[in-house]
Amino acid sequence: MKIEQISDEHKIVLRDIQKSIPKEWLDKVTKREDIAPATKEILERAILDPDVDEQLKKEARLILDSGYLNQQIDVEQQDISELIDSYVELEIIKAVILKRLPPLKKKKNYEIALKRFNKLKQKYETRSNK
């Protein structure tokens, strides 16, 4: 497989496309979530439950006190990722049409990409307004 170098001019165009992605979308592409909220809740209930054995309560307290269940992880928001991907695809097609980028090896229809982007954007805006 032949790997072609990207010209500096094309790198600038691609960098501009990347910079044009709305900051609001980039800020929301991931969100922080608890690592195991259901497990944490079960252990907390077990500690308060008078029917649970004292040894199990101690073990549950040790797990909770370890802090592991208080950790958070970044979770990708799939719908926003799709919106960003669609936006970038559309901008690349525009740049090809304007001859700022070389033709794509695989022909992409601008109208189809635009419809897909508008549909995803409407879905995102509807969800954001709730």
C-alpha atoms as a PDB file:
ATOM      1  CA  MET A   1       0.000   0.000   0.000  1.00  0.00           C
ATOM      2  CA  LYS A   2       1.400   3.346  -1.036  1.00  0.00           C
ATOM      3  CA  ILE A   3       1.348   6.061   1.619  1.00  0.00           C
ATOM      4  CA  GLU A   4       1.189   9.581   0.257  1.00  0.00           C
ATOM      5  CA  GLN A   5       2.517  12.575   2.131  1.00  0.00           C
ATOM      6  CA  ILE A   6       0.063  15.371   2.860  1.00  0.00           C
ATOM      7  CA  SER A   7       1.186  18.734   1.558  1.00  0.00           C
ATOM      8  CA  ASP A   8       1.566  21.656   3.954  1.00  0.00           C
ATOM      9  CA  GLU A   9      -1.259  23.459   2.135  1.00  0.00           C
ATOM     10  CA  HIS A  10      -3.613  20.529   2.694  1.00  0.00           C
ATOM     11  CA  LYS A  11      -2.528  20.217   6.324  1.00  0.00           C
ATOM     12  CA  ILE A  12      -3.576  23.837   6.845  1.00  0.00           C
ATOM     13  CA  VAL A  13      -7.000  23.157   5.303  1.00  0.00           C
ATOM     14  CA  LEU A  14      -7.495  20.080   7.486  1.00  0.00           C
ATOM     15  CA  ARG A  15      -6.338  21.979  10.580  1.00  0.00           C
ATOM     16  CA  ASP A  16      -8.848  24.738   9.776  1.00  0.00           C
ATOM     17  CA  ILE A  17     -11.616  22.154   9.470  1.00  0.00           C
ATOM     18  CA  GLN A  18     -10.638  20.684  12.825  1.00  0.00           C
ATOM     19  CA  LYS A  19     -10.576  24.139  14.443  1.00  0.00           C
ATOM     20  CA  SER A  20     -14.011  24.932  13.018  1.00  0.00           C
ATOM     21  CA  ILE A  21     -15.730  22.160  14.993  1.00  0.00           C
ATOM     22  CA  PRO A  22     -18.036  23.981  17.461  1.00  0.00           C
ATOM     23  CA  LYS A  23     -16.488  24.107  20.934  1.00  0.00           C
ATOM     24  CA  GLU A  24     -19.841  23.230  22.469  1.00  0.00           C
ATOM     25  CA  TRP A  25     -19.738  19.848  20.718  1.00  0.00           C
ATOM     26  CA  LEU A  26     -16.139  19.164  21.701  1.00  0.00           C
ATOM     27  CA  ASP A  27     -16.933  19.998  25.321  1.00  0.00           C
ATOM     28  CA  LYS A  28     -19.821  17.523  25.362  1.00  0.00           C
ATOM     29  CA  VAL A  29     -18.243  14.647  23.426  1.00  0.00           C
ATOM     30  CA  THR A  30     -17.382  12.920  26.727  1.00  0.00           C
ATOM     31  CA  LYS A  31     -18.967  13.086  30.136  1.00  0.00           C
ATOM     32  CA  ARG A  32     -17.862  11.921  33.551  1.00  0.00           C
ATOM     33  CA  GLU A  33     -19.771   9.042  35.122  1.00  0.00           C
ATOM     34  CA  ASP A  34     -19.326   7.042  38.311  1.00  0.00           C
ATOM     35  CA  ILE A  35     -17.442   3.815  37.722  1.00  0.00           C
ATOM     36  CA  ALA A  36     -20.060   1.546  39.367  1.00  0.00           C
ATOM     37  CA  PRO A  37     -23.030   3.457  40.801  1.00  0.00           C
ATOM     38  CA  ALA A  38     -25.246   0.385  41.197  1.00  0.00           C
ATOM     39  CA  THR A  39     -22.599  -1.559  43.116  1.00  0.00           C
ATOM     40  CA  LYS A  40     -21.946   1.418  45.373  1.00  0.00           C
ATOM     41  CA  GLU A  41     -25.659   1.748  46.142  1.00  0.00           C
ATOM     42  CA  ILE A  42     -26.009  -1.967  46.945  1.00  0.00           C
ATOM     43  CA  LEU A  43     -23.066  -1.844  49.346  1.00  0.00           C
ATOM     44  CA  GLU A  44     -24.434   1.273  51.050  1.00  0.00           C
ATOM     45  CA  ARG A  45     -27.802  -0.425  51.521  1.00  0.00           C
ATOM     46  CA  ALA A  46     -26.156  -3.571  52.864  1.00  0.00           C
ATOM     47  CA  ILE A  47     -24.330  -1.570  55.523  1.00  0.00           C
ATOM     48  CA  LEU A  48     -27.609  -0.055  56.735  1.00  0.00           C
ATOM     49  CA  ASP A  49     -29.620  -3.295  56.539  1.00  0.00           C
ATOM     50  CA  PRO A  50     -30.053  -4.915  59.993  1.00  0.00           C
ATOM     51  CA  ASP A  51     -30.521  -8.357  58.384  1.00  0.00           C
ATOM     52  CA  VAL A  52     -27.033  -8.388  56.828  1.00  0.00           C
ATOM     53  CA  ASP A  53     -24.279 -10.251  58.667  1.00  0.00           C
ATOM     54  CA  GLU A  54     -21.740  -8.036  60.482  1.00  0.00           C
ATOM     55  CA  GLN A  55     -18.799  -9.590  58.622  1.00  0.00           C
ATOM     56  CA  LEU A  56     -20.417  -8.728  55.284  1.00  0.00           C
ATOM     57  CA  LYS A  57     -21.055  -5.193  56.520  1.00  0.00           C
ATOM     58  CA  LYS A  58     -17.358  -4.838  57.416  1.00  0.00           C
ATOM     59  CA  GLU A  59     -16.318  -6.074  53.986  1.00  0.00           C
ATOM     60  CA  ALA A  60     -18.771  -3.711  52.304  1.00  0.00           C
ATOM     61  CA  ARG A  61     -17.413  -0.818  54.392  1.00  0.00           C
ATOM     62  CA  LEU A  62     -13.825  -1.734  53.392  1.00  0.00           C
ATOM     63  CA  ILE A  63     -14.766  -1.679  49.730  1.00  0.00           C
ATOM     64  CA  LEU A  64     -16.532   1.668  50.069  1.00  0.00           C
ATOM     65  CA  ASP A  65     -13.703   3.132  52.137  1.00  0.00           C
ATOM     66  CA  SER A  66     -11.146   2.091  49.501  1.00  0.00           C
ATOM     67  CA  GLY A  67     -12.519   4.885  47.308  1.00  0.00           C
ATOM     68  CA  TYR A  68     -12.493   2.745  44.168  1.00  0.00           C
ATOM     69  CA  LEU A  69     -16.257   3.080  43.693  1.00  0.00           C
ATOM     70  CA  ASN A  70     -15.995   6.873  44.000  1.00  0.00           C
ATOM     71  CA  GLN A  71     -13.854   7.096  40.874  1.00  0.00           C
ATOM     72  CA  GLN A  72     -15.258   8.493  37.669  1.00  0.00           C
ATOM     73  CA  ILE A  73     -14.499   7.632  34.073  1.00  0.00           C
ATOM     74  CA  ASP A  74     -14.956   9.505  30.806  1.00  0.00           C
ATOM     75  CA  VAL A  75     -17.726   8.042  28.666  1.00  0.00           C
ATOM     76  CA  GLU A  76     -18.031   8.941  24.984  1.00  0.00           C
ATOM     77  CA  GLN A  77     -21.349  10.444  23.928  1.00  0.00           C
ATOM     78  CA  GLN A  78     -21.942   8.475  20.724  1.00  0.00           C
ATOM     79  CA  ASP A  79     -24.500  10.866  19.214  1.00  0.00           C
ATOM     80  CA  ILE A  80     -22.180  13.859  19.558  1.00  0.00           C
ATOM     81  CA  SER A  81     -19.258  11.871  18.130  1.00  0.00           C
ATOM     82  CA  GLU A  82     -21.396  10.997  15.110  1.00  0.00           C
ATOM     83  CA  LEU A  83     -22.368  14.650  14.711  1.00  0.00           C
ATOM     84  CA  ILE A  84     -18.713  15.738  14.762  1.00  0.00           C
ATOM     85  CA  ASP A  85     -17.728  13.000  12.282  1.00  0.00           C
ATOM     86  CA  SER A  86     -20.535  14.029   9.957  1.00  0.00           C
ATOM     87  CA  TYR A  87     -19.551  17.701  10.228  1.00  0.00           C
ATOM     88  CA  VAL A  88     -15.907  16.939   9.387  1.00  0.00           C
ATOM     89  CA  GLU A  89     -16.953  14.735   6.449  1.00  0.00           C
ATOM     90  CA  LEU A  90     -19.143  17.547   5.111  1.00  0.00           C
ATOM     91  CA  GLU A  91     -16.373  20.128   5.498  1.00  0.00           C
ATOM     92  CA  ILE A  92     -13.886  17.865   3.689  1.00  0.00           C
ATOM     93  CA  ILE A  93     -16.323  17.415   0.810  1.00  0.00           C
ATOM     94  CA  LYS A  94     -16.784  21.199   0.655  1.00  0.00           C
ATOM     95  CA  ALA A  95     -12.997  21.668   0.565  1.00  0.00           C
ATOM     96  CA  VAL A  96     -12.721  19.124  -2.278  1.00  0.00           C
ATOM     97  CA  ILE A  97     -15.477  20.904  -4.241  1.00  0.00           C
ATOM     98  CA  LEU A  98     -13.654  24.220  -3.723  1.00  0.00           C
ATOM     99  CA  LYS A  99     -10.417  22.483  -4.828  1.00  0.00           C
ATOM    100  CA  ARG A 100      -8.696  23.263  -1.518  1.00  0.00           C
ATOM    101  CA  LEU A 101      -8.161  19.496  -1.071  1.00  0.00           C
ATOM    102  CA  PRO A 102      -7.411  16.836  -3.704  1.00  0.00           C
ATOM    103  CA  PRO A 103     -10.295  14.681  -4.961  1.00  0.00           C
ATOM    104  CA  LEU A 104     -11.341  11.826  -2.710  1.00  0.00           C
ATOM    105  CA  LYS A 105     -10.567   8.323  -3.944  1.00  0.00           C
ATOM    106  CA  LYS A 106     -14.077   7.292  -2.981  1.00  0.00           C
ATOM    107  CA  LYS A 107     -16.693   9.648  -4.404  1.00  0.00           C
ATOM    108  CA  LYS A 108     -18.915  11.108  -1.706  1.00  0.00           C
ATOM    109  CA  ASN A 109     -22.140  12.857  -2.504  1.00  0.00           C
ATOM    110  CA  TYR A 110     -22.362  16.291  -0.903  1.00  0.00           C
ATOM    111  CA  GLU A 111     -26.170  16.260  -0.704  1.00  0.00           C
ATOM    112  CA  ILE A 112     -26.225  12.907   1.106  1.00  0.00           C
ATOM    113  CA  ALA A 113     -23.581  14.086   3.579  1.00  0.00           C
ATOM    114  CA  LEU A 114     -25.486  17.336   4.143  1.00  0.00           C
ATOM    115  CA  LYS A 115     -28.770  15.502   4.832  1.00  0.00           C
ATOM    116  CA  ARG A 116     -27.018  13.152   7.261  1.00  0.00           C
ATOM    117  CA  PHE A 117     -25.374  16.077   9.061  1.00  0.00           C
ATOM    118  CA  ASN A 118     -28.632  18.060   9.315  1.00  0.00           C
ATOM    119  CA  LYS A 119     -30.464  15.024  10.670  1.00  0.00           C
ATOM    120  CA  LEU A 120     -27.800  14.425  13.335  1.00  0.00           C
ATOM    121  CA  LYS A 121     -27.656  18.129  14.222  1.00  0.00           C
ATOM    122  CA  GLN A 122     -31.444  18.291  14.621  1.00  0.00           C
ATOM    123  CA  LYS A 123     -31.357  15.206  16.839  1.00  0.00           C
ATOM    124  CA  TYR A 124     -28.600  16.784  18.957  1.00  0.00           C
ATOM    125  CA  GLU A 125     -30.401  20.138  19.247  1.00  0.00           C
ATOM    126  CA  THR A 126     -33.670  18.435  20.191  1.00  0.00           C
ATOM    127  CA  ARG A 127     -31.887  16.486  22.924  1.00  0.00           C
ATOM    128  CA  SER A 128     -30.033  19.611  24.138  1.00  0.00           C
ATOM    129  CA  ASN A 129     -33.260  21.618  24.462  1.00  0.00           C
ATOM    130  CA  LYS A 130     -34.864  19.105  26.821  1.00  0.00           C
END
